[in-house]
N, C-alpha and C. Protein backbone atom coordinates (compact mmCIF):
# COMPACT_ATOMS: atom_id res chain seq x y z
N ALA A 1 98.84 105.65 90.43
CA ALA A 1 97.91 104.54 90.26
C ALA A 1 97.42 104.08 91.63
N ASP A 2 96.24 103.51 91.66
CA ASP A 2 95.64 103.08 92.93
C ASP A 2 96.52 102.11 93.70
N GLU A 3 97.26 101.27 93.00
CA GLU A 3 98.11 100.30 93.72
C GLU A 3 99.24 100.99 94.47
N ALA A 4 99.58 102.22 94.12
CA ALA A 4 100.65 102.95 94.80
C ALA A 4 100.14 103.65 96.06
N LEU A 5 98.84 103.91 96.16
CA LEU A 5 98.31 104.69 97.29
C LEU A 5 98.68 104.13 98.66
N PRO A 6 98.58 102.82 98.90
CA PRO A 6 98.93 102.32 100.23
C PRO A 6 100.41 102.53 100.60
N ARG A 7 101.25 102.72 99.60
CA ARG A 7 102.69 102.85 99.88
C ARG A 7 103.17 104.30 99.94
N LEU A 8 102.31 105.25 99.67
CA LEU A 8 102.73 106.65 99.57
C LEU A 8 103.44 107.17 100.81
N PHE A 9 103.11 106.64 101.97
CA PHE A 9 103.67 107.17 103.21
C PHE A 9 104.85 106.34 103.72
N GLU A 10 105.30 105.38 102.93
CA GLU A 10 106.50 104.61 103.29
C GLU A 10 107.73 105.46 103.02
N ARG A 11 108.67 105.40 103.95
CA ARG A 11 109.92 106.13 103.73
C ARG A 11 110.63 105.57 102.50
N PHE A 12 111.14 106.47 101.68
CA PHE A 12 111.92 106.19 100.48
C PHE A 12 111.11 105.65 99.31
N TYR A 13 109.78 105.58 99.43
CA TYR A 13 108.96 105.14 98.30
C TYR A 13 108.87 106.28 97.29
N ARG A 14 109.12 105.98 96.01
CA ARG A 14 109.15 107.02 94.99
C ARG A 14 108.15 106.81 93.87
N GLY A 15 107.29 105.82 93.96
CA GLY A 15 106.24 105.65 92.96
C GLY A 15 106.75 105.19 91.61
N ASP A 16 106.14 105.71 90.57
CA ASP A 16 106.42 105.30 89.20
C ASP A 16 107.80 105.77 88.76
N PRO A 17 108.71 104.85 88.43
CA PRO A 17 110.06 105.24 87.99
C PRO A 17 110.04 106.06 86.70
N ALA A 18 108.99 105.94 85.90
CA ALA A 18 108.90 106.71 84.66
C ALA A 18 108.76 108.21 84.95
N HIS A 19 108.29 108.54 86.14
CA HIS A 19 108.13 109.95 86.51
C HIS A 19 109.19 110.36 87.54
N SER A 20 110.32 109.71 87.48
CA SER A 20 111.34 110.00 88.48
C SER A 20 111.91 111.40 88.28
N GLY A 21 112.31 111.97 89.34
CA GLY A 21 112.93 113.28 89.34
C GLY A 21 113.72 113.38 90.62
N ASP A 22 114.08 114.57 90.96
CA ASP A 22 114.80 114.75 92.22
C ASP A 22 113.85 114.43 93.37
N GLY A 23 114.41 113.94 94.43
CA GLY A 23 113.61 113.62 95.61
C GLY A 23 114.11 112.36 96.26
N SER A 24 113.88 112.27 97.55
CA SER A 24 114.37 111.13 98.32
C SER A 24 113.27 110.14 98.67
N GLY A 25 112.02 110.52 98.46
CA GLY A 25 110.92 109.65 98.85
C GLY A 25 110.58 109.78 100.32
N LEU A 26 111.00 110.87 100.95
CA LEU A 26 110.74 111.06 102.37
C LEU A 26 109.63 112.08 102.65
N GLY A 27 109.28 112.90 101.69
CA GLY A 27 108.35 114.01 101.92
C GLY A 27 107.04 113.63 102.57
N LEU A 28 106.28 112.73 101.95
CA LEU A 28 104.97 112.37 102.51
C LEU A 28 105.10 111.57 103.79
N ALA A 29 106.18 110.82 103.95
CA ALA A 29 106.41 110.10 105.21
C ALA A 29 106.59 111.09 106.35
N ILE A 30 107.32 112.17 106.09
CA ILE A 30 107.54 113.20 107.11
C ILE A 30 106.24 113.94 107.40
N VAL A 31 105.50 114.30 106.36
CA VAL A 31 104.22 114.99 106.53
C VAL A 31 103.28 114.15 107.39
N ALA A 32 103.17 112.86 107.09
CA ALA A 32 102.28 111.98 107.85
C ALA A 32 102.73 111.86 109.30
N ALA A 33 104.02 111.74 109.53
CA ALA A 33 104.53 111.61 110.90
C ALA A 33 104.25 112.87 111.72
N VAL A 34 104.45 114.04 111.12
CA VAL A 34 104.20 115.30 111.83
C VAL A 34 102.70 115.45 112.11
N ALA A 35 101.87 115.17 111.11
CA ALA A 35 100.42 115.28 111.31
C ALA A 35 99.95 114.34 112.42
N GLN A 36 100.42 113.11 112.41
CA GLN A 36 100.02 112.14 113.43
C GLN A 36 100.54 112.53 114.81
N ALA A 37 101.73 113.10 114.88
CA ALA A 37 102.28 113.54 116.16
C ALA A 37 101.45 114.65 116.79
N HIS A 38 100.71 115.37 115.96
CA HIS A 38 99.87 116.46 116.45
C HIS A 38 98.40 116.05 116.52
N GLY A 39 98.13 114.76 116.43
CA GLY A 39 96.76 114.27 116.55
C GLY A 39 95.94 114.36 115.28
N GLY A 40 96.59 114.54 114.15
CA GLY A 40 95.88 114.65 112.88
C GLY A 40 96.17 113.49 111.97
N GLY A 41 96.09 113.74 110.70
CA GLY A 41 96.35 112.69 109.72
C GLY A 41 96.45 113.28 108.33
N VAL A 42 96.60 112.41 107.35
CA VAL A 42 96.73 112.81 105.96
C VAL A 42 95.77 111.96 105.13
N ASP A 43 95.04 112.60 104.23
CA ASP A 43 94.13 111.90 103.32
C ASP A 43 94.63 112.08 101.90
N VAL A 44 94.45 111.04 101.09
CA VAL A 44 94.85 111.08 99.68
C VAL A 44 93.68 110.66 98.82
N ALA A 45 93.41 111.44 97.79
CA ALA A 45 92.39 111.09 96.80
C ALA A 45 93.02 111.22 95.42
N SER A 46 92.85 110.20 94.59
CA SER A 46 93.47 110.20 93.28
C SER A 46 92.46 109.76 92.23
N ALA A 47 92.46 110.46 91.10
CA ALA A 47 91.59 110.10 89.98
C ALA A 47 92.43 110.06 88.71
N PRO A 48 92.40 108.94 87.99
CA PRO A 48 93.19 108.83 86.77
C PRO A 48 92.91 109.98 85.80
N GLY A 49 93.97 110.57 85.31
CA GLY A 49 93.85 111.67 84.36
C GLY A 49 93.52 113.00 84.98
N GLU A 50 93.26 113.03 86.29
CA GLU A 50 92.90 114.29 86.95
C GLU A 50 93.92 114.71 88.00
N GLY A 51 94.71 113.80 88.49
CA GLY A 51 95.72 114.14 89.49
C GLY A 51 95.41 113.56 90.85
N THR A 52 96.21 113.99 91.81
CA THR A 52 96.11 113.48 93.17
C THR A 52 96.01 114.65 94.13
N ARG A 53 95.12 114.53 95.12
CA ARG A 53 94.97 115.56 96.14
C ARG A 53 95.40 114.97 97.48
N VAL A 54 96.30 115.68 98.16
CA VAL A 54 96.77 115.28 99.49
C VAL A 54 96.30 116.35 100.47
N SER A 55 95.54 115.94 101.49
CA SER A 55 95.02 116.88 102.48
C SER A 55 95.56 116.51 103.85
N VAL A 56 96.03 117.53 104.56
CA VAL A 56 96.54 117.34 105.92
C VAL A 56 95.46 117.80 106.89
N ARG A 57 95.12 116.94 107.86
CA ARG A 57 94.13 117.28 108.89
C ARG A 57 94.85 117.47 110.22
N LEU A 58 94.60 118.59 110.86
CA LEU A 58 95.15 118.87 112.19
C LEU A 58 94.00 119.30 113.09
N PRO A 59 94.06 118.91 114.37
CA PRO A 59 92.98 119.33 115.27
C PRO A 59 93.02 120.83 115.52
N LYS A 60 91.87 121.36 115.83
CA LYS A 60 91.76 122.78 116.14
C LYS A 60 92.50 123.07 117.43
N ALA A 61 93.19 124.19 117.47
CA ALA A 61 93.93 124.59 118.67
C ALA A 61 92.95 124.87 119.80
N PRO A 62 93.34 124.52 121.03
CA PRO A 62 92.44 124.78 122.17
C PRO A 62 92.26 126.26 122.43
């Protein structure tokens, strides 16, 4: 849901408890930290009933 999007990159955030499964809630936090450490970032787009797309942006190598 849109209200969850701002929290997706918080450590240990797991979203909707109804969809709980295995996981620690660290995955996207780690992805974002690594992308930012390399000068990039992470974009999230979500559409109800269609799913969520997570894109990692990294700068081109010199």
